[in-house]
Each structure stands twice: as structure tokens, then as C-alpha cells.
Protein backbone atom coordinates (compact mmCIF):
# COMPACT_ATOMS: atom_id res chain seq x y z
CA UNK A 1 -117.09 79.65 31.41
CA UNK A 2 -113.94 80.86 30.58
CA UNK A 3 -112.03 77.17 31.08
CA UNK A 4 -114.71 75.92 28.80
CA UNK A 5 -113.65 78.31 25.85
CA UNK A 6 -110.20 77.68 26.62
CA UNK A 7 -110.84 74.11 26.38
CA UNK A 8 -112.94 74.45 23.18
CA UNK A 9 -110.24 77.03 22.02
CA UNK A 10 -107.41 74.61 22.05
CA UNK A 11 -109.59 71.76 20.22
CA UNK A 12 -109.84 74.24 17.60
CA UNK A 13 -106.17 74.86 17.45
CA UNK A 14 -105.69 71.04 17.10
CA UNK A 15 -107.77 70.29 14.80
CA UNK A 16 -106.72 73.27 12.37
CA UNK A 17 -102.90 71.44 13.27
CA UNK A 18 -104.23 68.04 12.14
CA UNK A 19 -106.47 69.64 8.85
CA UNK A 20 -103.24 71.48 8.16
CA UNK A 21 -100.91 68.24 8.07
CA UNK A 22 -103.41 66.03 6.46
CA UNK A 23 -104.17 68.75 3.69
CA UNK A 24 -99.94 69.23 3.35
CA UNK A 25 -99.69 65.15 3.27
CA UNK A 26 -102.93 65.21 0.37
CA UNK A 27 -100.15 67.65 -1.57
CA UNK A 28 -97.03 65.63 -1.13
CA UNK A 29 -99.51 62.60 -2.25
CA UNK A 30 -100.85 64.30 -5.25
CA UNK A 31 -97.34 65.90 -6.28
CA UNK A 32 -95.45 62.35 -6.63
CA UNK A 33 -98.19 60.23 -7.19
CA UNK A 34 -98.51 62.23 -10.31
CA UNK A 35 -94.87 62.11 -11.34
CA UNK A 36 -93.26 61.81 -14.64
CA UNK A 37 -90.22 62.36 -14.67
CA UNK A 38 -87.36 63.99 -12.58
CA UNK A 39 -83.52 65.27 -12.66
CA UNK A 40 -81.65 66.02 -9.72
CA UNK A 41 -78.29 65.86 -7.91
CA UNK A 42 -77.99 64.04 -5.46
CA UNK A 43 -74.63 62.93 -2.34
CA UNK A 44 -75.07 59.45 -0.87
CA UNK A 45 -74.11 59.94 3.39
CA UNK A 46 -70.10 58.95 2.17
CA UNK A 47 -69.87 62.25 -0.17
CA UNK A 48 -70.10 60.11 -3.54
CA UNK A 49 -72.38 62.96 -6.05
CA UNK A 50 -73.87 61.70 -8.67
CA UNK A 51 -77.19 62.81 -10.76
CA UNK A 52 -80.42 60.96 -12.02
CA UNK A 53 -82.55 61.91 -15.48
CA UNK A 54 -85.78 59.61 -15.17
CA UNK A 55 -89.26 59.08 -17.18
CA UNK A 56 -91.44 56.83 -14.84
CA UNK A 57 -91.36 52.87 -16.34
CA UNK A 58 -87.78 51.93 -15.83
CA UNK A 59 -86.15 54.98 -18.29
CA UNK A 60 -83.56 56.12 -16.38
CA UNK A 61 -80.06 57.72 -16.86
CA UNK A 62 -78.00 57.39 -13.37
CA UNK A 63 -74.40 59.10 -13.39
CA UNK A 64 -71.86 58.54 -10.93
CA UNK A 65 -68.34 59.48 -10.53
CA UNK A 66 -66.92 55.89 -11.44
CA UNK A 67 -69.51 54.98 -13.73
CA UNK A 68 -73.26 55.42 -15.76
CA UNK A 69 -76.15 53.29 -15.31
CA UNK A 70 -78.77 53.84 -18.18
CA UNK A 71 -81.91 51.79 -18.71
CA UNK A 72 -84.88 52.41 -22.21
CA UNK A 73 -87.13 50.37 -19.97
CA UNK A 74 -86.38 47.19 -21.37
CA UNK A 75 -82.52 47.17 -21.52
CA UNK A 76 -79.58 47.95 -19.01
CA UNK A 77 -76.28 49.40 -19.62
CA UNK A 78 -73.81 49.25 -17.00
CA UNK A 79 -71.32 51.83 -17.82
CA UNK A 80 -67.66 51.92 -17.02
CA UNK A 81 -65.64 54.26 -19.17
CA UNK A 82 -61.99 54.13 -17.43
CA UNK A 83 -62.21 50.73 -18.87
CA UNK A 84 -64.40 51.11 -21.50
CA UNK A 85 -66.52 48.15 -20.47
CA UNK A 86 -70.23 48.10 -20.67
CA UNK A 87 -72.11 45.39 -19.16
CA UNK A 88 -75.84 44.37 -21.11
CA UNK A 89 -78.50 42.97 -19.32
CA UNK A 90 -82.32 43.26 -19.74
CA UNK A 91 -84.36 44.84 -17.12
CA UNK A 92 -85.28 42.94 -13.67
CA UNK A 93 -88.70 44.42 -12.79
CA UNK A 94 -89.00 42.17 -10.16
CA UNK A 95 -85.93 43.33 -8.40
CA UNK A 96 -85.66 44.31 -5.00
CA UNK A 97 -82.73 47.14 -5.57
CA UNK A 98 -83.91 50.29 -4.69
CA UNK A 99 -82.30 52.90 -7.01
CA UNK A 100 -83.26 56.64 -6.07
CA UNK A 101 -85.88 57.01 -9.31
CA UNK A 102 -87.62 53.98 -7.59
CA UNK A 103 -87.31 55.60 -4.25
CA UNK A 104 -89.23 59.01 -6.15
CA UNK A 105 -91.66 56.95 -8.39
CA UNK A 106 -92.84 53.88 -6.86
CA UNK A 107 -92.00 54.11 -2.66
CA UNK A 108 -93.07 57.63 -2.42
CA UNK A 109 -96.44 57.42 -4.34
CA UNK A 110 -97.23 53.85 -2.42
CA UNK A 111 -96.30 54.84 0.89
CA UNK A 112 -98.11 56.57 3.64
CA UNK A 113 -97.42 59.25 6.08
CA UNK A 114 -97.28 58.14 9.46
CA UNK A 115 -95.99 61.12 11.42
CA UNK A 116 -94.26 64.47 10.18
CA UNK A 117 -92.48 67.16 12.28
CA UNK A 118 -93.61 70.36 12.78
CA UNK A 119 -91.80 73.03 10.37
CA UNK A 120 -88.14 73.97 10.76
CA UNK A 121 -86.76 78.05 10.56
CA UNK A 122 -87.13 76.98 6.69
CA UNK A 123 -90.32 75.62 6.27
CA UNK A 124 -88.76 72.53 5.82
CA UNK A 125 -91.04 69.70 7.40
CA UNK A 126 -89.74 66.14 7.18
CA UNK A 127 -92.33 63.33 6.53
CA UNK A 128 -91.89 59.49 7.65
CA UNK A 129 -93.31 57.57 4.74
CA UNK A 130 -94.48 53.94 6.15
CA UNK A 131 -95.70 50.85 3.95
CA UNK A 132 -99.54 50.66 3.91
CA UNK A 133 -99.44 47.06 4.12
CA UNK A 134 -97.01 44.24 4.59
CA UNK A 135 -97.58 43.61 0.87
CA UNK A 136 -96.77 46.46 -0.30
CA UNK A 137 -92.98 47.01 0.79
CA UNK A 138 -90.94 48.43 -1.69
CA UNK A 139 -87.21 46.75 -2.01
CA UNK A 140 -87.71 46.18 1.93
CA UNK A 141 -87.78 49.66 3.16
CA UNK A 142 -89.36 49.76 6.58
CA UNK A 143 -89.70 53.27 6.49
CA UNK A 144 -88.28 56.51 4.90
CA UNK A 145 -88.09 60.00 5.78
CA UNK A 146 -88.04 62.56 3.60
CA UNK A 147 -87.64 66.06 4.38
CA UNK A 148 -89.34 68.81 1.37
CA UNK A 149 -90.41 72.47 1.27
CA UNK A 150 -92.81 74.58 0.87
CA UNK A 151 -93.17 73.11 -3.02
CA UNK A 152 -92.77 70.04 -2.59
CA UNK A 153 -89.51 69.82 -3.62
CA UNK A 154 -87.61 66.95 -2.08
CA UNK A 155 -84.31 68.01 0.65
CA UNK A 156 -83.24 64.83 1.95
CA UNK A 157 -84.40 61.01 1.33
CA UNK A 158 -83.62 58.60 4.36
CA UNK A 159 -84.36 55.10 4.07
CA UNK A 160 -84.51 51.90 6.57
CA UNK A 161 -84.51 48.19 5.47
CA UNK A 162 -84.27 47.14 9.10
CA UNK A 163 -80.69 46.39 8.52
CA UNK A 164 -79.19 49.67 7.20
CA UNK A 165 -79.80 53.47 6.80
CA UNK A 166 -79.27 55.19 3.71
CA UNK A 167 -79.56 58.92 2.83
CA UNK A 168 -79.37 61.14 -0.16
CA UNK A 169 -79.58 64.89 0.12
CA UNK A 170 -80.84 66.18 -3.25
CA UNK A 171 -80.50 69.17 -4.98
CA UNK A 172 -81.64 70.80 -8.28
CA UNK A 173 -84.98 68.16 -8.48
CA UNK A 174 -87.05 69.14 -11.43
CA UNK A 175 -90.29 67.39 -12.11
CA UNK A 176 -92.45 66.22 -15.01
CA UNK A 177 -90.10 68.50 -17.49
CA UNK A 178 -89.49 66.79 -21.13
CA UNK A 179 -86.62 64.66 -21.72
CA UNK A 180 -85.43 63.33 -24.37
CA UNK A 181 -85.71 59.83 -25.38
CA UNK A 182 -81.99 59.09 -26.79
CA UNK A 183 -80.53 59.90 -22.71
CA UNK A 184 -81.75 56.70 -22.34
CA UNK A 185 -80.00 54.21 -24.36
CA UNK A 186 -76.40 53.95 -24.77
CA UNK A 187 -74.25 53.00 -28.06
CA UNK A 188 -70.75 51.58 -27.02
CA UNK A 189 -68.01 53.27 -29.28
CA UNK A 190 -65.97 50.10 -31.04
CA UNK A 191 -62.89 50.08 -28.89
CA UNK A 192 -64.92 49.22 -26.23
CA UNK A 193 -65.82 46.02 -24.56
CA UNK A 194 -69.15 44.40 -24.49
CA UNK A 195 -70.39 41.79 -22.28
CA UNK A 196 -74.06 41.06 -23.02
CA UNK A 197 -75.76 39.18 -20.64
CA UNK A 198 -78.89 39.23 -22.21
């Protein structure tokens, strides 16, 4: 009788843990499936820092130490301030390039949780995300590890495409705040070189 009670207790604890994991995963997917805008700073594994402001629908402003990439959803400006050069392209909606805003808006909404770590000392959990089907692969990513805090703020993102691994540390993340539309367009000064490839 005692052994049966202990077994039932273990099963109850396991079920509770699974329910907690399921609820956590549901919160994560609800948060990022409904993401409309974001801004954050990021640092890659080599120490390069940057920032991004983005609105769902292909609008973004990515700032890196040596350049800036701006899109209004139809046109992309690749800006190099040091040489006063801007290359203008039409946005390619079929591109397999995986920029950081696409990780937030597309990958995190589409991929599903394969497993999750136990909370660390700061109550952060790392989620292993995988595509739900071969036809749902985003940017060639085989898996992504996303570490989030209790408020669903992303702390780190690690993606693996089968050949290489890319990692970003995320800070100052703000979700679903208004971003002025003027951020997503660029008008070069008269002395800039403009290369229009549209």
C-alpha cells in the first residue's frame, strides 16, 4: 500500500511537471505568434553588437557597427555610412536569408518545442525549437535554442542550420510597442553614391 502511494505520488509529480512545461510552452507560442513589433540590442558570438527595430511584415531597421539595413516591406536599403554609399534592392520575399527579426517573427511562431531545460538559478528556461514538418523549415534552420526568462523575454538565441551554428545574446527587448514608420525608410544626402538594383 505504501509502495503504491509512493508510485502514485511520483506519477502526480511527473504529470504536474509536464503540465507546467506544456503551460510554459503555450505561453511562449502565444507570446511570439502574436508579436507585432520588437526592438532590442544583440551581440553575436564574435562580440559584434547591433540593434534592431522591426514591425511584422518585413519592416526593419538593423544597425551594425559598419552598416545599416533598412526595409519598408518592399524596398531594402543597404547603407554604408563610412563610404556614403547605399545599395537599393527590391525585397525578396522568397529569400532564405535569416536575419534576427525573421527569427522572432517567423521561426519562433512556426517552430515547436521539442524539449525544455529545467529553470536555472535565475528561473531562465532554454527551449529547443524544431520545425513541425520538413515543409516548414525556416531559413534552413534545423533547430534553435531560445533562452527566455519568466516574463517571456528572450535572453539568447542559438540557431543551427546543419553546417554552422550562430548565437546572439539579446538585451533591452521591447515587444509590441509602437514604432514610427519613418524608421523604415532611408533618404540619402545629395553627396551619397546610390546604387539602385531594383
